[in-house]
Amino acid sequence: MKSQSPSAGGASLKNKLQVEIFGHRYTLRGEADDAYAKELASFVDEKMNEMAKHTKGVQMSKLAILAAINIAHELFQTRKKQKERDAVIGGKTRDIIESIEEQFEEFKLE
């Protein structure tokens, strides 16, 4: 089995980007473009700062966990709302299809 370099065999090199979150610099590596990665880092930074306002004197690691829990909560709420919307749309779609089928049956009878 041959060993391939990262650029050989179609493997792409990952992007490297410096971001600042809550006063600390981090290097991000990934496939996302820089603007998107910066937007994500900015979102996390905002959440950490928001949590810091409400929890004075908390260690950074605990603050990061609180921010992560808050972000996870928002994600779960968004997923729940999306499922509810999907159910409503599915019901309306079935109603429309049934109405069209009824009209089609009436058309065939005449």
N, C-alpha and C. Protein backbone atom coordinates (compact mmCIF):
# COMPACT_ATOMS: atom_id res chain seq x y z
N MET A 1 0.84 -1.17 0.00
CA MET A 1 0.00 0.00 0.00
C MET A 1 0.89 1.24 0.00
N LYS A 2 0.63 2.16 -0.93
CA LYS A 2 1.45 3.37 -1.05
C LYS A 2 0.96 4.46 -0.11
N SER A 3 1.88 5.22 0.40
CA SER A 3 1.55 6.40 1.20
C SER A 3 1.44 7.59 0.26
N GLN A 4 0.35 8.36 0.40
CA GLN A 4 0.16 9.50 -0.49
C GLN A 4 0.33 10.79 0.29
N SER A 5 0.82 11.80 -0.40
CA SER A 5 0.92 13.11 0.23
C SER A 5 -0.48 13.72 0.26
N PRO A 6 -0.73 14.72 1.12
CA PRO A 6 -2.06 15.29 1.23
C PRO A 6 -2.61 15.84 -0.08
N SER A 7 -1.73 16.32 -0.98
CA SER A 7 -2.23 16.87 -2.23
C SER A 7 -2.44 15.79 -3.29
N ALA A 8 -1.90 14.61 -3.07
CA ALA A 8 -2.06 13.52 -4.03
C ALA A 8 -3.35 12.77 -3.75
N GLY A 9 -3.88 12.13 -4.75
CA GLY A 9 -5.05 11.29 -4.56
C GLY A 9 -6.33 12.05 -4.29
N GLY A 10 -6.37 13.35 -4.59
CA GLY A 10 -7.60 14.11 -4.46
C GLY A 10 -7.88 14.65 -3.08
N ALA A 11 -7.04 14.38 -2.08
CA ALA A 11 -7.29 14.92 -0.75
C ALA A 11 -6.95 16.40 -0.74
N SER A 12 -7.86 17.23 -0.25
CA SER A 12 -7.62 18.66 -0.26
C SER A 12 -7.02 19.11 1.06
N LEU A 13 -6.20 20.13 0.98
CA LEU A 13 -5.63 20.70 2.19
C LEU A 13 -6.69 21.52 2.89
N LYS A 14 -6.72 21.47 4.19
CA LYS A 14 -7.72 22.20 4.95
C LYS A 14 -7.29 23.66 5.13
N ASN A 15 -8.29 24.54 5.15
CA ASN A 15 -8.03 25.96 5.39
C ASN A 15 -7.61 26.17 6.84
N LYS A 16 -6.77 27.18 7.06
CA LYS A 16 -6.34 27.57 8.40
C LYS A 16 -6.75 29.01 8.60
N LEU A 17 -7.39 29.29 9.73
CA LEU A 17 -7.88 30.64 9.99
C LEU A 17 -7.72 30.97 11.46
N GLN A 18 -7.24 32.17 11.75
CA GLN A 18 -7.13 32.66 13.11
C GLN A 18 -8.40 33.42 13.46
N VAL A 19 -9.01 33.08 14.60
CA VAL A 19 -10.20 33.79 15.09
C VAL A 19 -9.99 34.14 16.56
N GLU A 20 -10.78 35.09 17.02
CA GLU A 20 -10.74 35.45 18.44
C GLU A 20 -12.11 35.21 19.04
N ILE A 21 -12.11 34.44 20.12
CA ILE A 21 -13.34 34.14 20.85
C ILE A 21 -13.08 34.44 22.32
N PHE A 22 -13.86 35.38 22.85
CA PHE A 22 -13.80 35.76 24.25
C PHE A 22 -12.37 36.14 24.67
N GLY A 23 -11.72 36.90 23.81
CA GLY A 23 -10.39 37.41 24.12
C GLY A 23 -9.24 36.44 23.90
N HIS A 24 -9.52 35.26 23.38
CA HIS A 24 -8.47 34.27 23.13
C HIS A 24 -8.42 33.97 21.63
N ARG A 25 -7.21 33.78 21.13
CA ARG A 25 -7.04 33.47 19.70
C ARG A 25 -7.00 31.96 19.50
N TYR A 26 -7.68 31.54 18.46
CA TYR A 26 -7.72 30.12 18.12
C TYR A 26 -7.44 29.97 16.63
N THR A 27 -6.84 28.83 16.28
CA THR A 27 -6.64 28.50 14.88
C THR A 27 -7.67 27.45 14.50
N LEU A 28 -8.46 27.79 13.51
CA LEU A 28 -9.47 26.86 12.99
C LEU A 28 -8.95 26.23 11.72
N ARG A 29 -9.18 24.95 11.56
CA ARG A 29 -8.83 24.24 10.33
C ARG A 29 -10.08 23.53 9.84
N GLY A 30 -10.37 23.67 8.56
CA GLY A 30 -11.55 23.00 8.03
C GLY A 30 -11.76 23.32 6.57
N GLU A 31 -12.85 22.83 6.06
CA GLU A 31 -13.18 22.99 4.65
C GLU A 31 -14.03 24.23 4.39
N ALA A 32 -14.60 24.83 5.44
CA ALA A 32 -15.48 25.98 5.26
C ALA A 32 -14.68 27.20 4.81
N ASP A 33 -15.38 28.10 4.10
CA ASP A 33 -14.69 29.31 3.67
C ASP A 33 -14.48 30.24 4.87
N ASP A 34 -13.55 31.16 4.75
CA ASP A 34 -13.16 32.03 5.86
C ASP A 34 -14.32 32.84 6.40
N ALA A 35 -15.15 33.40 5.53
CA ALA A 35 -16.26 34.24 5.98
C ALA A 35 -17.22 33.45 6.86
N TYR A 36 -17.51 32.23 6.47
CA TYR A 36 -18.42 31.39 7.25
C TYR A 36 -17.80 31.03 8.61
N ALA A 37 -16.54 30.66 8.60
CA ALA A 37 -15.85 30.30 9.84
C ALA A 37 -15.78 31.51 10.78
N LYS A 38 -15.55 32.68 10.23
CA LYS A 38 -15.53 33.89 11.06
C LYS A 38 -16.90 34.18 11.64
N GLU A 39 -17.95 33.94 10.85
CA GLU A 39 -19.31 34.14 11.33
C GLU A 39 -19.62 33.20 12.49
N LEU A 40 -19.20 31.95 12.38
CA LEU A 40 -19.39 30.98 13.47
C LEU A 40 -18.64 31.42 14.73
N ALA A 41 -17.39 31.82 14.56
CA ALA A 41 -16.58 32.25 15.70
C ALA A 41 -17.21 33.48 16.35
N SER A 42 -17.71 34.39 15.55
CA SER A 42 -18.35 35.59 16.07
C SER A 42 -19.61 35.24 16.87
N PHE A 43 -20.36 34.27 16.38
CA PHE A 43 -21.57 33.82 17.07
C PHE A 43 -21.21 33.25 18.44
N VAL A 44 -20.20 32.40 18.48
CA VAL A 44 -19.76 31.80 19.75
C VAL A 44 -19.24 32.89 20.68
N ASP A 45 -18.49 33.84 20.14
CA ASP A 45 -17.97 34.95 20.95
C ASP A 45 -19.12 35.75 21.56
N GLU A 46 -20.16 36.03 20.78
CA GLU A 46 -21.32 36.75 21.28
C GLU A 46 -22.01 35.98 22.41
N LYS A 47 -22.16 34.68 22.22
CA LYS A 47 -22.79 33.85 23.25
C LYS A 47 -21.97 33.84 24.54
N MET A 48 -20.67 33.74 24.40
CA MET A 48 -19.80 33.73 25.59
C MET A 48 -19.90 35.07 26.33
N ASN A 49 -19.91 36.16 25.57
CA ASN A 49 -20.03 37.47 26.20
C ASN A 49 -21.40 37.65 26.84
N GLU A 50 -22.43 37.13 26.21
CA GLU A 50 -23.78 37.19 26.76
C GLU A 50 -23.84 36.42 28.09
N MET A 51 -23.26 35.23 28.11
CA MET A 51 -23.25 34.42 29.32
C MET A 51 -22.43 35.11 30.42
N ALA A 52 -21.33 35.75 30.04
CA ALA A 52 -20.45 36.42 31.01
C ALA A 52 -21.18 37.55 31.72
N LYS A 53 -22.09 38.23 31.03
CA LYS A 53 -22.85 39.32 31.64
C LYS A 53 -23.74 38.82 32.78
N HIS A 54 -24.21 37.58 32.64
CA HIS A 54 -25.15 37.02 33.61
C HIS A 54 -24.48 36.15 34.67
N THR A 55 -23.21 35.86 34.49
CA THR A 55 -22.51 34.97 35.43
C THR A 55 -21.14 35.56 35.74
N LYS A 56 -21.10 36.48 36.65
CA LYS A 56 -19.84 37.15 37.01
C LYS A 56 -18.90 36.19 37.73
N GLY A 57 -17.62 36.25 37.37
CA GLY A 57 -16.59 35.51 38.08
C GLY A 57 -16.54 34.01 37.79
N VAL A 58 -17.19 33.56 36.73
CA VAL A 58 -17.18 32.14 36.38
C VAL A 58 -15.96 31.84 35.53
N GLN A 59 -15.34 30.68 35.75
CA GLN A 59 -14.18 30.26 34.97
C GLN A 59 -14.55 30.17 33.49
N MET A 60 -13.55 30.43 32.65
CA MET A 60 -13.80 30.42 31.21
C MET A 60 -14.32 29.07 30.73
N SER A 61 -13.81 27.98 31.27
CA SER A 61 -14.27 26.66 30.83
C SER A 61 -15.75 26.47 31.15
N LYS A 62 -16.18 26.92 32.31
CA LYS A 62 -17.59 26.82 32.67
C LYS A 62 -18.44 27.74 31.80
N LEU A 63 -17.91 28.90 31.51
CA LEU A 63 -18.60 29.85 30.64
C LEU A 63 -18.79 29.26 29.25
N ALA A 64 -17.76 28.59 28.77
CA ALA A 64 -17.84 27.95 27.45
C ALA A 64 -18.92 26.86 27.44
N ILE A 65 -19.01 26.10 28.53
CA ILE A 65 -20.04 25.06 28.63
C ILE A 65 -21.43 25.69 28.66
N LEU A 66 -21.59 26.78 29.42
CA LEU A 66 -22.88 27.47 29.46
C LEU A 66 -23.27 27.99 28.08
N ALA A 67 -22.30 28.56 27.36
CA ALA A 67 -22.57 29.04 26.01
C ALA A 67 -22.95 27.88 25.09
N ALA A 68 -22.25 26.76 25.21
CA ALA A 68 -22.55 25.58 24.39
C ALA A 68 -23.95 25.05 24.69
N ILE A 69 -24.32 25.01 25.96
CA ILE A 69 -25.67 24.56 26.34
C ILE A 69 -26.72 25.51 25.76
N ASN A 70 -26.45 26.81 25.83
CA ASN A 70 -27.37 27.80 25.28
C ASN A 70 -27.52 27.63 23.77
N ILE A 71 -26.43 27.42 23.07
CA ILE A 71 -26.46 27.21 21.62
C ILE A 71 -27.20 25.92 21.29
N ALA A 72 -26.95 24.86 22.06
CA ALA A 72 -27.65 23.58 21.85
C ALA A 72 -29.14 23.75 22.07
N HIS A 73 -29.53 24.52 23.09
CA HIS A 73 -30.94 24.78 23.35
C HIS A 73 -31.59 25.47 22.15
N GLU A 74 -30.92 26.49 21.63
CA GLU A 74 -31.45 27.19 20.45
C GLU A 74 -31.60 26.23 19.27
N LEU A 75 -30.61 25.36 19.07
CA LEU A 75 -30.67 24.39 17.98
C LEU A 75 -31.86 23.46 18.15
N PHE A 76 -32.05 22.93 19.36
CA PHE A 76 -33.15 22.00 19.62
C PHE A 76 -34.50 22.69 19.44
N GLN A 77 -34.61 23.94 19.87
CA GLN A 77 -35.86 24.68 19.69
C GLN A 77 -36.14 24.90 18.20
N THR A 78 -35.11 25.20 17.44
CA THR A 78 -35.27 25.40 16.00
C THR A 78 -35.69 24.09 15.33
N ARG A 79 -35.07 22.98 15.73
CA ARG A 79 -35.46 21.68 15.17
C ARG A 79 -36.91 21.35 15.49
N LYS A 80 -37.34 21.63 16.72
CA LYS A 80 -38.71 21.36 17.14
C LYS A 80 -39.69 22.18 16.30
N LYS A 81 -39.40 23.46 16.13
CA LYS A 81 -40.27 24.32 15.32
C LYS A 81 -40.32 23.83 13.87
N GLN A 82 -39.17 23.39 13.34
CA GLN A 82 -39.13 22.89 11.97
C GLN A 82 -39.99 21.64 11.82
N LYS A 83 -39.93 20.73 12.79
CA LYS A 83 -40.76 19.52 12.75
C LYS A 83 -42.24 19.88 12.78
N GLU A 84 -42.58 20.86 13.64
CA GLU A 84 -43.97 21.30 13.72
C GLU A 84 -44.43 21.90 12.39
N ARG A 85 -43.59 22.75 11.78
CA ARG A 85 -43.91 23.33 10.46
C ARG A 85 -44.05 22.26 9.41
N ASP A 86 -43.14 21.28 9.43
CA ASP A 86 -43.20 20.19 8.46
C ASP A 86 -44.51 19.42 8.60
N ALA A 87 -44.96 19.20 9.84
CA ALA A 87 -46.22 18.48 10.07
C ALA A 87 -47.40 19.28 9.53
N VAL A 88 -47.41 20.59 9.76
CA VAL A 88 -48.50 21.44 9.26
C VAL A 88 -48.49 21.44 7.73
N ILE A 89 -47.33 21.59 7.15
CA ILE A 89 -47.22 21.60 5.68
C ILE A 89 -47.66 20.26 5.12
N GLY A 90 -47.25 19.16 5.76
CA GLY A 90 -47.65 17.82 5.32
C GLY A 90 -49.16 17.66 5.35
N GLY A 91 -49.79 18.14 6.42
CA GLY A 91 -51.25 18.06 6.53
C GLY A 91 -51.94 18.87 5.46
N LYS A 92 -51.47 20.08 5.23
CA LYS A 92 -52.06 20.94 4.19
C LYS A 92 -51.87 20.32 2.81
N THR A 93 -50.72 19.73 2.59
CA THR A 93 -50.44 19.10 1.30
C THR A 93 -51.40 17.94 1.06
N ARG A 94 -51.61 17.11 2.10
CA ARG A 94 -52.56 16.00 1.97
C ARG A 94 -53.96 16.51 1.67
N ASP A 95 -54.37 17.59 2.36
CA ASP A 95 -55.70 18.16 2.13
C ASP A 95 -55.85 18.64 0.68
N ILE A 96 -54.82 19.29 0.17
CA ILE A 96 -54.87 19.80 -1.21
C ILE A 96 -54.94 18.64 -2.19
N ILE A 97 -54.14 17.61 -1.96
CA ILE A 97 -54.15 16.44 -2.86
C ILE A 97 -55.51 15.77 -2.84
N GLU A 98 -56.09 15.62 -1.65
CA GLU A 98 -57.42 15.01 -1.54
C GLU A 98 -58.46 15.84 -2.29
N SER A 99 -58.38 17.15 -2.15
CA SER A 99 -59.31 18.04 -2.84
C SER A 99 -59.17 17.91 -4.35
N ILE A 100 -57.95 17.86 -4.82
CA ILE A 100 -57.72 17.71 -6.27
C ILE A 100 -58.25 16.36 -6.75
N GLU A 101 -57.99 15.31 -5.96
CA GLU A 101 -58.48 13.98 -6.34
C GLU A 101 -60.00 13.95 -6.39
N GLU A 102 -60.67 14.60 -5.40
CA GLU A 102 -62.13 14.66 -5.40
C GLU A 102 -62.65 15.39 -6.63
N GLN A 103 -62.01 16.51 -6.95
CA GLN A 103 -62.43 17.27 -8.12
C GLN A 103 -62.20 16.47 -9.40
N PHE A 104 -61.13 15.73 -9.44
CA PHE A 104 -60.83 14.91 -10.61
C PHE A 104 -61.87 13.82 -10.76
N GLU A 105 -62.27 13.21 -9.65
CA GLU A 105 -63.31 12.15 -9.68
C GLU A 105 -64.64 12.73 -10.16
N GLU A 106 -64.99 13.93 -9.68
CA GLU A 106 -66.22 14.58 -10.12
C GLU A 106 -66.15 14.90 -11.61
N PHE A 107 -65.01 15.30 -12.08
CA PHE A 107 -64.82 15.61 -13.50
C PHE A 107 -64.99 14.37 -14.35
N LYS A 108 -64.47 13.23 -13.87
CA LYS A 108 -64.58 11.98 -14.62
C LYS A 108 -66.03 11.50 -14.71
N LEU A 109 -66.84 11.78 -13.69
CA LEU A 109 -68.21 11.31 -13.66
C LEU A 109 -69.12 12.09 -14.60
N GLU A 110 -68.80 13.31 -14.88
CA GLU A 110 -69.67 14.14 -15.71
C GLU A 110 -69.53 13.84 -17.17
